C-alpha atoms as a PDB file:
ATOM      1  CA  MET A   1     -30.955 -14.244 -17.304  1.00  0.00           C
ATOM      2  CA  ARG A   2     -28.098 -11.587 -17.283  1.00  0.00           C
ATOM      3  CA  THR A   3     -24.738 -12.883 -18.468  1.00  0.00           C
ATOM      4  CA  ALA A   4     -23.243 -11.784 -14.964  1.00  0.00           C
ATOM      5  CA  ASP A   5     -25.610 -13.771 -13.189  1.00  0.00           C
ATOM      6  CA  LEU A   6     -24.970 -16.815 -15.303  1.00  0.00           C
ATOM      7  CA  LEU A   7     -21.281 -16.511 -14.839  1.00  0.00           C
ATOM      8  CA  HIS A   8     -21.761 -16.201 -10.961  1.00  0.00           C
ATOM      9  CA  ARG A   9     -23.971 -19.185 -10.850  1.00  0.00           C
ATOM     10  CA  ALA A  10     -21.633 -21.324 -12.884  1.00  0.00           C
ATOM     11  CA  GLY A  11     -18.412 -20.090 -10.959  1.00  0.00           C
ATOM     12  CA  ILE A  12     -16.847 -18.789 -14.001  1.00  0.00           C
ATOM     13  CA  PRO A  13     -14.642 -15.816 -13.590  1.00  0.00           C
ATOM     14  CA  THR A  14     -15.275 -12.809 -15.777  1.00  0.00           C
ATOM     15  CA  ILE A  15     -12.503 -11.096 -17.805  1.00  0.00           C
ATOM     16  CA  ILE A  16     -12.244  -8.551 -15.240  1.00  0.00           C
ATOM     17  CA  GLU A  17     -11.535 -10.869 -12.556  1.00  0.00           C
ATOM     18  CA  ILE A  18      -8.812 -12.812 -14.508  1.00  0.00           C
ATOM     19  CA  VAL A  19      -7.075  -9.430 -15.520  1.00  0.00           C
ATOM     20  CA  VAL A  20      -7.122  -8.413 -11.685  1.00  0.00           C
ATOM     21  CA  ARG A  21      -5.877 -11.609 -10.313  1.00  0.00           C
ATOM     22  CA  GLN A  22      -3.134 -11.980 -12.921  1.00  0.00           C
ATOM     23  CA  SER A  23      -2.130  -8.346 -12.533  1.00  0.00           C
ATOM     24  CA  GLY A  24      -2.110  -8.705  -8.617  1.00  0.00           C
ATOM     25  CA  MET A  25       0.178 -11.744  -8.991  1.00  0.00           C
ATOM     26  CA  ALA A  26       2.430 -10.158 -11.606  1.00  0.00           C
ATOM     27  CA  ALA A  27       2.879  -7.165  -9.310  1.00  0.00           C
ATOM     28  CA  TRP A  28       3.691  -9.190  -6.325  1.00  0.00           C
ATOM     29  CA  LYS A  29       6.266 -11.150  -8.143  1.00  0.00           C
ATOM     30  CA  THR A  30       7.622  -8.105  -9.568  1.00  0.00           C
ATOM     31  CA  VAL A  31       8.254  -6.527  -6.239  1.00  0.00           C
ATOM     32  CA  ASN A  32       9.239  -9.720  -4.232  1.00  0.00           C
ATOM     33  CA  LEU A  33      11.235 -11.926  -6.700  1.00  0.00           C
ATOM     34  CA  PRO A  34      14.490 -10.403  -7.579  1.00  0.00           C
ATOM     35  CA  TYR A  35      14.861 -11.994 -11.052  1.00  0.00           C
ATOM     36  CA  TYR A  36      11.486 -11.860 -12.111  1.00  0.00           C
ATOM     37  CA  SER A  37      10.961 -11.136 -15.958  1.00  0.00           C
ATOM     38  CA  LEU A  38       8.613  -8.223 -15.562  1.00  0.00           C
ATOM     39  CA  SER A  39      10.468  -6.480 -12.998  1.00  0.00           C
ATOM     40  CA  ASP A  40      11.255  -3.510 -14.991  1.00  0.00           C
ATOM     41  CA  MET A  41       7.466  -2.710 -15.691  1.00  0.00           C
ATOM     42  CA  ILE A  42       6.620  -0.897 -12.494  1.00  0.00           C
ATOM     43  CA  CYS A  43       8.648   1.233 -10.223  1.00  0.00           C
ATOM     44  CA  THR A  44       8.711   2.749  -6.691  1.00  0.00           C
ATOM     45  CA  SER A  45       7.345   6.145  -6.299  1.00  0.00           C
ATOM     46  CA  ASP A  46       9.858   9.051  -5.219  1.00  0.00           C
ATOM     47  CA  SER A  47      10.591   8.459  -1.508  1.00  0.00           C
ATOM     48  CA  ARG A  48       9.846  12.024  -0.486  1.00  0.00           C
ATOM     49  CA  THR A  49       6.197  11.701  -1.542  1.00  0.00           C
ATOM     50  CA  ARG A  50       3.251   9.722   0.315  1.00  0.00           C
ATOM     51  CA  SER A  51       3.214   7.302  -2.534  1.00  0.00           C
ATOM     52  CA  GLY A  52       6.810   6.346  -1.862  1.00  0.00           C
ATOM     53  CA  THR A  53       6.393   5.874   1.978  1.00  0.00           C
ATOM     54  CA  SER A  54       3.320   3.836   1.300  1.00  0.00           C
ATOM     55  CA  ASP A  55       5.165   1.336  -0.919  1.00  0.00           C
ATOM     56  CA  LEU A  56       2.947   2.252  -3.826  1.00  0.00           C
ATOM     57  CA  LYS A  57       4.004   1.675  -7.376  1.00  0.00           C
ATOM     58  CA  CYS A  58       3.779   3.446 -10.747  1.00  0.00           C
ATOM     59  CA  PRO A  59       4.076   2.033 -14.272  1.00  0.00           C
ATOM     60  CA  TYR A  60       7.269   3.017 -16.239  1.00  0.00           C
ATOM     61  CA  SER A  61       5.286   3.572 -19.258  1.00  0.00           C
ATOM     62  CA  VAL A  62       1.583   4.585 -19.007  1.00  0.00           C
ATOM     63  CA  GLY A  63       1.035   3.310 -22.396  1.00  0.00           C
ATOM     64  CA  CYS A  64       1.559  -0.217 -21.551  1.00  0.00           C
ATOM     65  CA  ALA A  65      -1.708  -1.568 -20.183  1.00  0.00           C
ATOM     66  CA  SER A  66      -0.128  -4.380 -18.203  1.00  0.00           C
ATOM     67  CA  ALA A  67       2.172  -2.227 -16.276  1.00  0.00           C
ATOM     68  CA  VAL A  68      -0.668   0.082 -15.554  1.00  0.00           C
ATOM     69  CA  ASN A  69      -2.963  -2.756 -14.410  1.00  0.00           C
ATOM     70  CA  MET A  70      -0.211  -4.288 -12.248  1.00  0.00           C
ATOM     71  CA  ALA A  71       0.377  -0.825 -10.554  1.00  0.00           C
ATOM     72  CA  LYS A  72      -3.145   0.045  -9.895  1.00  0.00           C
ATOM     73  CA  THR A  73      -3.912  -3.709  -8.656  1.00  0.00           C
ATOM     74  CA  TRP A  74      -0.691  -3.335  -6.219  1.00  0.00           C
ATOM     75  CA  ASN A  75      -1.728  -0.015  -5.076  1.00  0.00           C
ATOM     76  CA  SER A  76      -5.404  -0.730  -4.374  1.00  0.00           C
ATOM     77  CA  SER A  77      -4.721  -3.974  -2.109  1.00  0.00           C
ATOM     78  CA  PRO A  78      -2.788  -3.376   1.125  1.00  0.00           C
ATOM     79  CA  GLU A  79      -3.504  -7.062   1.671  1.00  0.00           C
ATOM     80  CA  LEU A  80      -1.420  -7.880  -1.305  1.00  0.00           C
ATOM     81  CA  ARG A  81       1.313  -5.470  -0.381  1.00  0.00           C
ATOM     82  CA  GLN A  82       1.816  -7.336   2.917  1.00  0.00           C
ATOM     83  CA  ALA A  83       1.622 -10.919   1.692  1.00  0.00           C
ATOM     84  CA  THR A  84       5.103 -12.448   2.320  1.00  0.00           C
ATOM     85  CA  THR A  85       4.619 -15.734   0.362  1.00  0.00           C
ATOM     86  CA  LEU A  86       3.257 -16.726  -3.015  1.00  0.00           C
ATOM     87  CA  LEU A  87       0.205 -18.508  -1.511  1.00  0.00           C
ATOM     88  CA  GLU A  88      -0.684 -15.402   0.592  1.00  0.00           C
ATOM     89  CA  ALA A  89      -0.422 -13.113  -2.453  1.00  0.00           C
ATOM     90  CA  ARG A  90      -2.510 -15.683  -4.688  1.00  0.00           C
ATOM     91  CA  ARG A  91      -5.198 -15.542  -1.768  1.00  0.00           C
ATOM     92  CA  ALA A  92      -5.174 -11.636  -1.757  1.00  0.00           C
ATOM     93  CA  ALA A  93      -5.258 -11.234  -5.558  1.00  0.00           C
ATOM     94  CA  THR A  94      -8.301 -13.781  -5.674  1.00  0.00           C
ATOM     95  CA  ARG A  95     -10.005 -11.650  -2.977  1.00  0.00           C
ATOM     96  CA  LEU A  96      -9.499  -8.606  -4.848  1.00  0.00           C
ATOM     97  CA  ALA A  97     -10.738 -10.196  -7.964  1.00  0.00           C
ATOM     98  CA  ARG A  98     -13.885 -11.272  -6.393  1.00  0.00           C
ATOM     99  CA  ILE A  99     -14.645  -7.772  -5.290  1.00  0.00           C
ATOM    100  CA  SER A 100     -14.039  -6.383  -8.818  1.00  0.00           C
ATOM    101  CA  ARG A 101     -16.700  -8.613 -10.020  1.00  0.00           C
ATOM    102  CA  HIS A 102     -19.225  -6.364  -8.504  1.00  0.00           C
ATOM    103  CA  LEU A 103     -17.809  -2.991  -9.752  1.00  0.00           C
END
């Protein structure tokens, strides 16, 4: 039996799922909570570009893996960007994490 199948049957999340879910939650908190401690890790793109008008984010430092993961997770989930409450954000991040299991 493959490890991925065993994890799926047991309901245990993979490392990728955990990283995606936590990065999504951190990105949402960074954007929506004004005094969140990680708010200086990702920034808004220039408003004159398509990324800026779409509310996409970029990491301040491409050398920081967590900032890159937060930006990629935020940019890949319109549902996460539209979430207005912490519960909605958690659900969106969990859905994105489940999708990432099969990548």
